[in-house]
Amino acid sequence: MKNKGFTIIELIVVIVIAGVLLLLAVPAFRGLYNKGQLEVARNEVMGFYQRAHRYATTAGVDYVLQVDETKGVLRCMVDTTSVIVRDSLVLSSRLSIYHGGGGSLSYVLHPDGFVEYGDTLTGFFVSDKNTGDSLKFYISPLGTIEVEKR
């Protein structure tokens, strides 16, 4: 009579091979997750900018888009002296927002679609604290926003 089945040695070999393959696959999946987080941030910032732009054109008044580096938040309000924030965006805690000037950077979104900014800084970055990867967002005077991976 022949026994059908696997020996304990065969089972151990299969488990070891599966474990090695799993150890090799985990870093690859972690990299995909990290890239996904930055892509989510890209979409959130783009959507936020489009909403802020729509507020200005719909209401027919200037809106201010503020990039607050110290608090890591984007805000949209009717003017910089207003305490009423129309909309805001807080990104994941593993992401940071910066523009290199400290404090906050403001863009004035005009109802005609043009954008004005007071300083020479025209862009800001969203960076992943874990991987160091970042995206640069550039807002042109014509009101378009572009994104570049750094």
C-alpha atoms as a PDB file:
ATOM      1  CA  MET A   1       0.000   0.000   0.000  1.00  0.00           C
ATOM      2  CA  LYS A   2       1.335   3.432  -1.024  1.00  0.00           C
ATOM      3  CA  ASN A   3       0.879   6.452   1.209  1.00  0.00           C
ATOM      4  CA  LYS A   4      -0.393   9.497  -0.542  1.00  0.00           C
ATOM      5  CA  GLY A   5       0.576  12.885   0.843  1.00  0.00           C
ATOM      6  CA  PHE A   6       3.542  15.063   1.596  1.00  0.00           C
ATOM      7  CA  THR A   7       6.380  14.427   3.955  1.00  0.00           C
ATOM      8  CA  ILE A   8       7.178  16.910   6.699  1.00  0.00           C
ATOM      9  CA  ILE A   9      10.379  17.897   4.855  1.00  0.00           C
ATOM     10  CA  GLU A  10       8.426  18.762   1.707  1.00  0.00           C
ATOM     11  CA  LEU A  11       5.988  20.874   3.724  1.00  0.00           C
ATOM     12  CA  ILE A  12       8.814  22.758   5.461  1.00  0.00           C
ATOM     13  CA  VAL A  13      10.534  23.456   2.127  1.00  0.00           C
ATOM     14  CA  VAL A  14       7.291  24.863   0.665  1.00  0.00           C
ATOM     15  CA  ILE A  15       6.704  27.052   3.751  1.00  0.00           C
ATOM     16  CA  VAL A  16      10.279  28.410   3.619  1.00  0.00           C
ATOM     17  CA  ILE A  17       9.992  29.209  -0.092  1.00  0.00           C
ATOM     18  CA  ALA A  18       6.635  30.957   0.466  1.00  0.00           C
ATOM     19  CA  GLY A  19       8.157  32.953   3.348  1.00  0.00           C
ATOM     20  CA  VAL A  20      11.116  34.099   1.231  1.00  0.00           C
ATOM     21  CA  LEU A  21       8.806  35.162  -1.591  1.00  0.00           C
ATOM     22  CA  LEU A  22       6.649  37.076   0.882  1.00  0.00           C
ATOM     23  CA  LEU A  23       9.694  38.874   2.319  1.00  0.00           C
ATOM     24  CA  LEU A  24      10.700  39.926  -1.174  1.00  0.00           C
ATOM     25  CA  ALA A  25       7.205  41.142  -2.070  1.00  0.00           C
ATOM     26  CA  VAL A  26       6.491  43.294   1.025  1.00  0.00           C
ATOM     27  CA  PRO A  27       8.931  46.157   0.161  1.00  0.00           C
ATOM     28  CA  ALA A  28       7.525  46.337  -3.366  1.00  0.00           C
ATOM     29  CA  PHE A  29       3.980  46.704  -2.029  1.00  0.00           C
ATOM     30  CA  ARG A  30       5.131  49.293   0.516  1.00  0.00           C
ATOM     31  CA  GLY A  31       6.614  51.345  -2.331  1.00  0.00           C
ATOM     32  CA  LEU A  32       3.309  51.206  -4.191  1.00  0.00           C
ATOM     33  CA  TYR A  33       1.480  52.385  -1.062  1.00  0.00           C
ATOM     34  CA  ASN A  34       3.886  55.320  -0.615  1.00  0.00           C
ATOM     35  CA  LYS A  35       3.476  56.392  -4.234  1.00  0.00           C
ATOM     36  CA  GLY A  36      -0.266  56.109  -3.780  1.00  0.00           C
ATOM     37  CA  GLN A  37      -0.220  58.509  -0.821  1.00  0.00           C
ATOM     38  CA  LEU A  38       1.538  61.192  -2.847  1.00  0.00           C
ATOM     39  CA  GLU A  39      -0.857  60.646  -5.757  1.00  0.00           C
ATOM     40  CA  VAL A  40      -3.823  61.097  -3.401  1.00  0.00           C
ATOM     41  CA  ALA A  41      -2.271  64.356  -2.170  1.00  0.00           C
ATOM     42  CA  ARG A  42      -1.773  65.508  -5.762  1.00  0.00           C
ATOM     43  CA  ASN A  43      -5.435  64.912  -6.562  1.00  0.00           C
ATOM     44  CA  GLU A  44      -6.597  66.573  -3.338  1.00  0.00           C
ATOM     45  CA  VAL A  45      -4.533  69.734  -3.941  1.00  0.00           C
ATOM     46  CA  MET A  46      -5.605  69.953  -7.592  1.00  0.00           C
ATOM     47  CA  GLY A  47      -9.255  69.539  -6.608  1.00  0.00           C
ATOM     48  CA  PHE A  48      -8.911  72.121  -3.847  1.00  0.00           C
ATOM     49  CA  TYR A  49      -7.374  74.647  -6.239  1.00  0.00           C
ATOM     50  CA  GLN A  50     -10.154  74.084  -8.776  1.00  0.00           C
ATOM     51  CA  ARG A  51     -12.810  74.588  -6.076  1.00  0.00           C
ATOM     52  CA  ALA A  52     -11.139  77.808  -4.874  1.00  0.00           C
ATOM     53  CA  HIS A  53     -10.930  79.083  -8.440  1.00  0.00           C
ATOM     54  CA  ARG A  54     -14.609  78.252  -8.953  1.00  0.00           C
ATOM     55  CA  TYR A  55     -15.547  80.180  -5.775  1.00  0.00           C
ATOM     56  CA  ALA A  56     -13.923  83.330  -7.207  1.00  0.00           C
ATOM     57  CA  THR A  57     -15.455  83.044 -10.658  1.00  0.00           C
ATOM     58  CA  THR A  58     -18.914  82.129  -9.374  1.00  0.00           C
ATOM     59  CA  ALA A  59     -19.090  84.835  -6.697  1.00  0.00           C
ATOM     60  CA  GLY A  60     -17.443  87.454  -8.902  1.00  0.00           C
ATOM     61  CA  VAL A  61     -15.042  88.535  -6.142  1.00  0.00           C
ATOM     62  CA  ASP A  62     -11.395  87.923  -5.335  1.00  0.00           C
ATOM     63  CA  TYR A  63     -10.592  84.896  -3.203  1.00  0.00           C
ATOM     64  CA  VAL A  64      -7.328  84.223  -1.421  1.00  0.00           C
ATOM     65  CA  LEU A  65      -5.696  80.819  -1.539  1.00  0.00           C
ATOM     66  CA  GLN A  66      -3.288  80.564   1.369  1.00  0.00           C
ATOM     67  CA  VAL A  67      -0.569  77.941   1.790  1.00  0.00           C
ATOM     68  CA  ASP A  68       0.230  77.836   5.520  1.00  0.00           C
ATOM     69  CA  GLU A  69       3.586  76.149   5.999  1.00  0.00           C
ATOM     70  CA  THR A  70       3.549  76.261   9.813  1.00  0.00           C
ATOM     71  CA  LYS A  71       0.180  74.519  10.160  1.00  0.00           C
ATOM     72  CA  GLY A  72       0.453  72.411   7.016  1.00  0.00           C
ATOM     73  CA  VAL A  73      -2.880  73.484   5.597  1.00  0.00           C
ATOM     74  CA  LEU A  74      -4.334  75.121   2.486  1.00  0.00           C
ATOM     75  CA  ARG A  75      -7.095  77.688   3.045  1.00  0.00           C
ATOM     76  CA  CYS A  76      -9.490  79.533   0.788  1.00  0.00           C
ATOM     77  CA  MET A  77     -11.116  82.752   2.022  1.00  0.00           C
ATOM     78  CA  VAL A  78     -12.650  85.934   0.661  1.00  0.00           C
ATOM     79  CA  ASP A  79      -9.665  88.026   1.829  1.00  0.00           C
ATOM     80  CA  THR A  80      -6.672  87.695   4.146  1.00  0.00           C
ATOM     81  CA  THR A  81      -8.252  89.793   6.901  1.00  0.00           C
ATOM     82  CA  SER A  82     -11.350  87.600   7.037  1.00  0.00           C
ATOM     83  CA  VAL A  83     -11.690  85.104   9.840  1.00  0.00           C
ATOM     84  CA  ILE A  84     -14.177  83.119   7.786  1.00  0.00           C
ATOM     85  CA  VAL A  85     -12.522  80.332   5.835  1.00  0.00           C
ATOM     86  CA  ARG A  86     -14.632  79.155   2.901  1.00  0.00           C
ATOM     87  CA  ASP A  87     -12.731  75.907   2.423  1.00  0.00           C
ATOM     88  CA  SER A  88      -9.585  74.240   3.730  1.00  0.00           C
ATOM     89  CA  LEU A  89      -7.478  71.183   3.034  1.00  0.00           C
ATOM     90  CA  VAL A  90      -5.437  69.299   5.604  1.00  0.00           C
ATOM     91  CA  LEU A  91      -3.289  66.551   4.142  1.00  0.00           C
ATOM     92  CA  SER A  92      -2.279  63.261   5.725  1.00  0.00           C
ATOM     93  CA  SER A  93      -0.036  63.561   8.790  1.00  0.00           C
ATOM     94  CA  ARG A  94       2.815  61.891   6.919  1.00  0.00           C
ATOM     95  CA  LEU A  95       2.843  64.725   4.349  1.00  0.00           C
ATOM     96  CA  SER A  96       4.169  68.245   4.786  1.00  0.00           C
ATOM     97  CA  ILE A  97       3.464  71.453   2.870  1.00  0.00           C
ATOM     98  CA  TYR A  98       6.262  73.964   2.395  1.00  0.00           C
ATOM     99  CA  HIS A  99       7.273  76.771   0.097  1.00  0.00           C
ATOM    100  CA  GLY A 100      10.612  77.884   1.467  1.00  0.00           C
ATOM    101  CA  GLY A 101       9.538  81.286   2.709  1.00  0.00           C
ATOM    102  CA  GLY A 102       8.233  80.288   6.138  1.00  0.00           C
ATOM    103  CA  GLY A 103       4.801  81.292   7.383  1.00  0.00           C
ATOM    104  CA  SER A 104       2.196  81.461   4.663  1.00  0.00           C
ATOM    105  CA  LEU A 105       2.117  82.089   0.928  1.00  0.00           C
ATOM    106  CA  SER A 106      -0.971  83.741  -0.577  1.00  0.00           C
ATOM    107  CA  TYR A 107      -2.403  83.731  -4.066  1.00  0.00           C
ATOM    108  CA  VAL A 108      -5.218  86.094  -5.059  1.00  0.00           C
ATOM    109  CA  LEU A 109      -7.671  84.364  -7.377  1.00  0.00           C
ATOM    110  CA  HIS A 110      -9.505  86.934  -9.503  1.00  0.00           C
ATOM    111  CA  PRO A 111     -12.979  86.322 -10.970  1.00  0.00           C
ATOM    112  CA  ASP A 112     -11.576  86.747 -14.493  1.00  0.00           C
ATOM    113  CA  GLY A 113      -9.377  83.672 -13.945  1.00  0.00           C
ATOM    114  CA  PHE A 114      -6.066  85.432 -13.397  1.00  0.00           C
ATOM    115  CA  VAL A 115      -3.928  84.769 -10.323  1.00  0.00           C
ATOM    116  CA  GLU A 116      -1.772  87.270  -8.477  1.00  0.00           C
ATOM    117  CA  TYR A 117       0.855  86.607  -5.823  1.00  0.00           C
ATOM    118  CA  GLY A 118       2.722  89.115  -3.753  1.00  0.00           C
ATOM    119  CA  ASP A 119       6.156  87.587  -3.425  1.00  0.00           C
ATOM    120  CA  THR A 120       8.541  86.021  -5.844  1.00  0.00           C
ATOM    121  CA  LEU A 121       7.546  82.539  -4.674  1.00  0.00           C
ATOM    122  CA  THR A 122       5.165  81.052  -7.202  1.00  0.00           C
ATOM    123  CA  GLY A 123       5.176  77.432  -6.119  1.00  0.00           C
ATOM    124  CA  PHE A 124       4.892  75.199  -3.114  1.00  0.00           C
ATOM    125  CA  PHE A 125       5.759  71.610  -2.311  1.00  0.00           C
ATOM    126  CA  VAL A 126       4.000  68.647  -0.764  1.00  0.00           C
ATOM    127  CA  SER A 127       6.512  66.177   0.597  1.00  0.00           C
ATOM    128  CA  ASP A 128       6.241  62.670   2.018  1.00  0.00           C
ATOM    129  CA  LYS A 129       8.086  62.622   5.357  1.00  0.00           C
ATOM    130  CA  ASN A 130       8.759  58.868   5.133  1.00  0.00           C
ATOM    131  CA  THR A 131      10.165  58.606   1.617  1.00  0.00           C
ATOM    132  CA  GLY A 132      11.399  62.146   0.940  1.00  0.00           C
ATOM    133  CA  ASP A 133       9.498  62.195  -2.370  1.00  0.00           C
ATOM    134  CA  SER A 134       7.798  65.480  -3.142  1.00  0.00           C
ATOM    135  CA  LEU A 135       5.582  67.246  -5.640  1.00  0.00           C
ATOM    136  CA  LYS A 136       6.021  70.849  -6.710  1.00  0.00           C
ATOM    137  CA  PHE A 137       2.849  72.788  -7.442  1.00  0.00           C
ATOM    138  CA  TYR A 138       3.218  75.869  -9.618  1.00  0.00           C
ATOM    139  CA  ILE A 139       0.347  78.333 -10.117  1.00  0.00           C
ATOM    140  CA  SER A 140       0.777  80.586 -13.143  1.00  0.00           C
ATOM    141  CA  PRO A 141      -0.547  84.155 -13.443  1.00  0.00           C
ATOM    142  CA  LEU A 142      -2.997  82.834 -16.064  1.00  0.00           C
ATOM    143  CA  GLY A 143      -4.625  80.623 -13.419  1.00  0.00           C
ATOM    144  CA  THR A 144      -3.326  77.213 -14.411  1.00  0.00           C
ATOM    145  CA  ILE A 145      -1.777  74.848 -11.931  1.00  0.00           C
ATOM    146  CA  GLU A 146       1.005  72.446 -12.853  1.00  0.00           C
ATOM    147  CA  VAL A 147       2.540  69.618 -10.869  1.00  0.00           C
ATOM    148  CA  GLU A 148       6.074  68.294 -11.118  1.00  0.00           C
ATOM    149  CA  LYS A 149       7.454  65.260  -9.262  1.00  0.00           C
ATOM    150  CA  ARG A 150      10.740  65.980  -7.470  1.00  0.00           C
END
